[in-house]
């Protein structure tokens, strides 16, 4: 098999389009490319999977409160692992915590409610909310850039 040897010294400029989004409360930030269809599909799949799990949990019968808490703790750990797998290790630790007035850090369940929705839902919907605007902005940039090159190279088509 022939070996490719690049000796031109040129480097291809291939920025991945990853953006950093701060998490409220000074809890750090997360990075992703909101125009990456593989990422967007994974986010929507996660939303559906978590919602299905929540519906299953509503119908589940438990052998007392301790059994219910054990089940929810296991569910929380699974959600955190899924979020960390998609957004990077440690993401769930940034998202599902709060700091009290003494500066002490506390973990909180992804299923805890805020604004009438579980925290995991608020997070996924916040991610989904940035997607359309960023796609529109990138399409506008793409159209202008493609048109520039088309105009430049049309003169060579004759």
C-alpha atoms as a PDB file:
ATOM      1  CA  UNK A   1       0.000   0.000   0.000  1.00  0.00           C
ATOM      2  CA  UNK A   2       1.353   3.414  -0.950  1.00  0.00           C
ATOM      3  CA  UNK A   3       2.135   5.851   1.830  1.00  0.00           C
ATOM      4  CA  UNK A   4       0.867   9.394   1.589  1.00  0.00           C
ATOM      5  CA  UNK A   5       3.574  11.962   2.066  1.00  0.00           C
ATOM      6  CA  UNK A   6       2.481  15.559   2.493  1.00  0.00           C
ATOM      7  CA  UNK A   7       5.480  17.777   1.966  1.00  0.00           C
ATOM      8  CA  UNK A   8       3.761  21.007   0.960  1.00  0.00           C
ATOM      9  CA  UNK A   9       3.765  22.306   4.521  1.00  0.00           C
ATOM     10  CA  UNK A  10       0.165  23.402   4.098  1.00  0.00           C
ATOM     11  CA  UNK A  11      -2.190  22.768   6.956  1.00  0.00           C
ATOM     12  CA  UNK A  12      -5.896  22.264   6.443  1.00  0.00           C
ATOM     13  CA  UNK A  13      -7.983  24.593   8.573  1.00  0.00           C
ATOM     14  CA  UNK A  14     -10.787  22.371   9.850  1.00  0.00           C
ATOM     15  CA  UNK A  15     -12.313  23.949  12.914  1.00  0.00           C
ATOM     16  CA  UNK A  16     -14.889  21.585  14.462  1.00  0.00           C
ATOM     17  CA  UNK A  17     -17.348  24.412  15.220  1.00  0.00           C
ATOM     18  CA  UNK A  18     -17.458  23.553  18.906  1.00  0.00           C
ATOM     19  CA  UNK A  19     -18.776  26.340  21.122  1.00  0.00           C
ATOM     20  CA  UNK A  20     -18.600  26.812  24.863  1.00  0.00           C
ATOM     21  CA  UNK A  21     -21.818  27.517  26.781  1.00  0.00           C
ATOM     22  CA  UNK A  22     -21.612  28.726  30.390  1.00  0.00           C
ATOM     23  CA  UNK A  23     -23.738  27.014  33.037  1.00  0.00           C
ATOM     24  CA  UNK A  24     -25.666  29.427  35.252  1.00  0.00           C
ATOM     25  CA  UNK A  25     -24.400  30.052  38.754  1.00  0.00           C
ATOM     26  CA  UNK A  26     -20.739  29.979  37.781  1.00  0.00           C
ATOM     27  CA  UNK A  27     -20.704  26.187  37.610  1.00  0.00           C
ATOM     28  CA  UNK A  28     -18.433  26.029  34.592  1.00  0.00           C
ATOM     29  CA  UNK A  29     -19.345  25.464  30.982  1.00  0.00           C
ATOM     30  CA  UNK A  30     -20.050  22.732  28.473  1.00  0.00           C
ATOM     31  CA  UNK A  31     -18.850  22.499  24.893  1.00  0.00           C
ATOM     32  CA  UNK A  32     -20.587  21.123  21.816  1.00  0.00           C
ATOM     33  CA  UNK A  33     -21.306  21.894  18.176  1.00  0.00           C
ATOM     34  CA  UNK A  34     -25.039  22.631  17.955  1.00  0.00           C
ATOM     35  CA  UNK A  35     -24.989  22.088  14.174  1.00  0.00           C
ATOM     36  CA  UNK A  36     -23.563  18.557  14.392  1.00  0.00           C
ATOM     37  CA  UNK A  37     -26.442  16.318  13.345  1.00  0.00           C
ATOM     38  CA  UNK A  38     -24.952  13.291  15.117  1.00  0.00           C
ATOM     39  CA  UNK A  39     -24.823  15.301  18.351  1.00  0.00           C
ATOM     40  CA  UNK A  40     -28.343  16.709  17.875  1.00  0.00           C
ATOM     41  CA  UNK A  41     -29.712  13.225  17.222  1.00  0.00           C
ATOM     42  CA  UNK A  42     -28.029  11.962  20.400  1.00  0.00           C
ATOM     43  CA  UNK A  43     -29.545  14.837  22.418  1.00  0.00           C
ATOM     44  CA  UNK A  44     -33.058  14.145  21.100  1.00  0.00           C
ATOM     45  CA  UNK A  45     -32.591  10.406  21.692  1.00  0.00           C
ATOM     46  CA  UNK A  46     -31.529  11.139  25.261  1.00  0.00           C
ATOM     47  CA  UNK A  47     -34.612  13.303  25.804  1.00  0.00           C
ATOM     48  CA  UNK A  48     -36.912  10.541  24.560  1.00  0.00           C
ATOM     49  CA  UNK A  49     -35.096   7.843  26.549  1.00  0.00           C
ATOM     50  CA  UNK A  50     -35.188   9.837  29.798  1.00  0.00           C
ATOM     51  CA  UNK A  51     -38.862  10.762  29.274  1.00  0.00           C
ATOM     52  CA  UNK A  52     -39.703   7.086  28.668  1.00  0.00           C
ATOM     53  CA  UNK A  53     -37.866   6.134  31.860  1.00  0.00           C
ATOM     54  CA  UNK A  54     -39.806   8.766  33.794  1.00  0.00           C
ATOM     55  CA  UNK A  55     -43.105   7.360  32.498  1.00  0.00           C
ATOM     56  CA  UNK A  56     -42.046   3.824  33.433  1.00  0.00           C
ATOM     57  CA  UNK A  57     -41.111   5.015  36.915  1.00  0.00           C
ATOM     58  CA  UNK A  58     -44.574   6.538  37.437  1.00  0.00           C
ATOM     59  CA  UNK A  59     -46.152   3.115  36.970  1.00  0.00           C
ATOM     60  CA  UNK A  60     -43.579   1.252  39.065  1.00  0.00           C
ATOM     61  CA  UNK A  61     -44.605  -0.197  42.424  1.00  0.00           C
ATOM     62  CA  UNK A  62     -42.040  -0.090  45.211  1.00  0.00           C
ATOM     63  CA  UNK A  63     -41.641  -2.001  48.461  1.00  0.00           C
ATOM     64  CA  UNK A  64     -41.635   1.122  50.571  1.00  0.00           C
ATOM     65  CA  UNK A  65     -39.871   4.467  50.487  1.00  0.00           C
ATOM     66  CA  UNK A  66     -36.343   3.050  50.796  1.00  0.00           C
ATOM     67  CA  UNK A  67     -36.880   0.887  47.717  1.00  0.00           C
ATOM     68  CA  UNK A  68     -38.149   3.919  45.784  1.00  0.00           C
ATOM     69  CA  UNK A  69     -35.119   6.007  46.860  1.00  0.00           C
ATOM     70  CA  UNK A  70     -32.737   3.195  45.870  1.00  0.00           C
ATOM     71  CA  UNK A  71     -34.381   2.950  42.465  1.00  0.00           C
ATOM     72  CA  UNK A  72     -34.220   6.735  41.942  1.00  0.00           C
ATOM     73  CA  UNK A  73     -30.555   6.823  42.983  1.00  0.00           C
ATOM     74  CA  UNK A  74     -29.799   4.130  40.380  1.00  0.00           C
ATOM     75  CA  UNK A  75     -31.821   6.037  37.768  1.00  0.00           C
ATOM     76  CA  UNK A  76     -29.924   9.250  38.647  1.00  0.00           C
ATOM     77  CA  UNK A  77     -26.568   7.525  38.235  1.00  0.00           C
ATOM     78  CA  UNK A  78     -27.618   6.185  34.821  1.00  0.00           C
ATOM     79  CA  UNK A  79     -28.745   9.645  33.675  1.00  0.00           C
ATOM     80  CA  UNK A  80     -25.520  11.236  34.899  1.00  0.00           C
ATOM     81  CA  UNK A  81     -23.463   8.587  33.097  1.00  0.00           C
ATOM     82  CA  UNK A  82     -25.397   9.164  29.853  1.00  0.00           C
ATOM     83  CA  UNK A  83     -24.959  12.941  30.113  1.00  0.00           C
ATOM     84  CA  UNK A  84     -21.243  12.559  30.842  1.00  0.00           C
ATOM     85  CA  UNK A  85     -20.861  10.188  27.877  1.00  0.00           C
ATOM     86  CA  UNK A  86     -22.388  12.752  25.496  1.00  0.00           C
ATOM     87  CA  UNK A  87     -21.104  16.041  26.946  1.00  0.00           C
ATOM     88  CA  UNK A  88     -17.828  14.898  28.519  1.00  0.00           C
ATOM     89  CA  UNK A  89     -16.721  13.469  31.838  1.00  0.00           C
ATOM     90  CA  UNK A  90     -17.719  15.609  34.799  1.00  0.00           C
ATOM     91  CA  UNK A  91     -20.562  17.440  33.042  1.00  0.00           C
ATOM     92  CA  UNK A  92     -23.237  15.998  35.327  1.00  0.00           C
ATOM     93  CA  UNK A  93     -21.200  17.072  38.345  1.00  0.00           C
ATOM     94  CA  UNK A  94     -21.313  20.659  37.058  1.00  0.00           C
ATOM     95  CA  UNK A  95     -25.019  20.546  36.262  1.00  0.00           C
ATOM     96  CA  UNK A  96     -26.524  18.768  39.226  1.00  0.00           C
ATOM     97  CA  UNK A  97     -25.092  20.684  42.129  1.00  0.00           C
ATOM     98  CA  UNK A  98     -25.630  23.886  44.036  1.00  0.00           C
ATOM     99  CA  UNK A  99     -23.546  25.996  46.379  1.00  0.00           C
ATOM    100  CA  UNK A 100     -24.954  27.307  49.644  1.00  0.00           C
ATOM    101  CA  UNK A 101     -24.280  30.694  51.245  1.00  0.00           C
ATOM    102  CA  UNK A 102     -21.207  29.260  53.025  1.00  0.00           C
ATOM    103  CA  UNK A 103     -19.694  28.152  49.729  1.00  0.00           C
ATOM    104  CA  UNK A 104     -20.359  24.476  50.444  1.00  0.00           C
ATOM    105  CA  UNK A 105     -21.023  22.346  47.382  1.00  0.00           C
ATOM    106  CA  UNK A 106     -24.042  19.997  47.295  1.00  0.00           C
ATOM    107  CA  UNK A 107     -25.067  17.388  44.742  1.00  0.00           C
ATOM    108  CA  UNK A 108     -28.712  17.265  43.627  1.00  0.00           C
ATOM    109  CA  UNK A 109     -30.737  14.633  41.800  1.00  0.00           C
ATOM    110  CA  UNK A 110     -31.270  15.157  38.058  1.00  0.00           C
ATOM    111  CA  UNK A 111     -34.928  14.317  38.824  1.00  0.00           C
ATOM    112  CA  UNK A 112     -35.298  17.206  41.299  1.00  0.00           C
ATOM    113  CA  UNK A 113     -37.895  19.674  40.093  1.00  0.00           C
ATOM    114  CA  UNK A 114     -37.274  23.290  39.158  1.00  0.00           C
ATOM    115  CA  UNK A 115     -39.724  25.453  37.247  1.00  0.00           C
ATOM    116  CA  UNK A 116     -42.151  22.529  37.078  1.00  0.00           C
ATOM    117  CA  UNK A 117     -39.736  20.200  35.265  1.00  0.00           C
ATOM    118  CA  UNK A 118     -36.982  17.802  36.303  1.00  0.00           C
ATOM    119  CA  UNK A 119     -33.508  19.339  36.152  1.00  0.00           C
ATOM    120  CA  UNK A 120     -32.475  16.875  33.431  1.00  0.00           C
ATOM    121  CA  UNK A 121     -35.363  18.127  31.286  1.00  0.00           C
ATOM    122  CA  UNK A 122     -34.422  21.776  31.856  1.00  0.00           C
ATOM    123  CA  UNK A 123     -30.856  20.977  30.815  1.00  0.00           C
ATOM    124  CA  UNK A 124     -31.743  19.091  27.633  1.00  0.00           C
ATOM    125  CA  UNK A 125     -34.300  21.718  26.595  1.00  0.00           C
ATOM    126  CA  UNK A 126     -31.722  24.476  27.165  1.00  0.00           C
ATOM    127  CA  UNK A 127     -29.325  22.634  24.836  1.00  0.00           C
ATOM    128  CA  UNK A 128     -32.065  22.113  22.242  1.00  0.00           C
ATOM    129  CA  UNK A 129     -32.983  25.820  22.441  1.00  0.00           C
ATOM    130  CA  UNK A 130     -29.571  26.951  21.108  1.00  0.00           C
ATOM    131  CA  UNK A 131     -29.664  24.642  18.091  1.00  0.00           C
ATOM    132  CA  UNK A 132     -32.031  26.495  15.682  1.00  0.00           C
ATOM    133  CA  UNK A 133     -30.398  29.913  16.122  1.00  0.00           C
ATOM    134  CA  UNK A 134     -26.904  28.525  15.646  1.00  0.00           C
ATOM    135  CA  UNK A 135     -27.936  26.498  12.588  1.00  0.00           C
ATOM    136  CA  UNK A 136     -29.483  29.638  11.045  1.00  0.00           C
ATOM    137  CA  UNK A 137     -26.368  31.706  11.767  1.00  0.00           C
ATOM    138  CA  UNK A 138     -24.086  29.055  10.264  1.00  0.00           C
ATOM    139  CA  UNK A 139     -26.255  28.661   7.152  1.00  0.00           C
ATOM    140  CA  UNK A 140     -26.039  32.405   6.525  1.00  0.00           C
ATOM    141  CA  UNK A 141     -22.237  32.253   6.831  1.00  0.00           C
ATOM    142  CA  UNK A 142     -22.135  29.211   4.565  1.00  0.00           C
ATOM    143  CA  UNK A 143     -24.238  30.847   1.860  1.00  0.00           C
ATOM    144  CA  UNK A 144     -21.994  33.927   1.782  1.00  0.00           C
ATOM    145  CA  UNK A 145     -18.796  31.884   1.702  1.00  0.00           C
ATOM    146  CA  UNK A 146     -20.026  29.456  -0.973  1.00  0.00           C
ATOM    147  CA  UNK A 147     -21.277  32.311  -3.146  1.00  0.00           C
ATOM    148  CA  UNK A 148     -17.871  33.999  -2.900  1.00  0.00           C
ATOM    149  CA  UNK A 149     -16.140  30.878  -4.232  1.00  0.00           C
ATOM    150  CA  UNK A 150     -18.789  30.219  -6.882  1.00  0.00           C
ATOM    151  CA  UNK A 151     -18.405  33.764  -8.206  1.00  0.00           C
ATOM    152  CA  UNK A 152     -14.621  33.416  -8.211  1.00  0.00           C
ATOM    153  CA  UNK A 153     -14.579  30.127 -10.105  1.00  0.00           C
ATOM    154  CA  UNK A 154     -17.498  30.742 -12.523  1.00  0.00           C
ATOM    155  CA  UNK A 155     -15.225  32.794 -14.717  1.00  0.00           C
ATOM    156  CA  UNK A 156     -13.177  29.630 -15.404  1.00  0.00           C
ATOM    157  CA  UNK A 157     -16.189  27.587 -16.548  1.00  0.00           C
ATOM    158  CA  UNK A 158     -16.410  29.042 -20.064  1.00  0.00           C
END
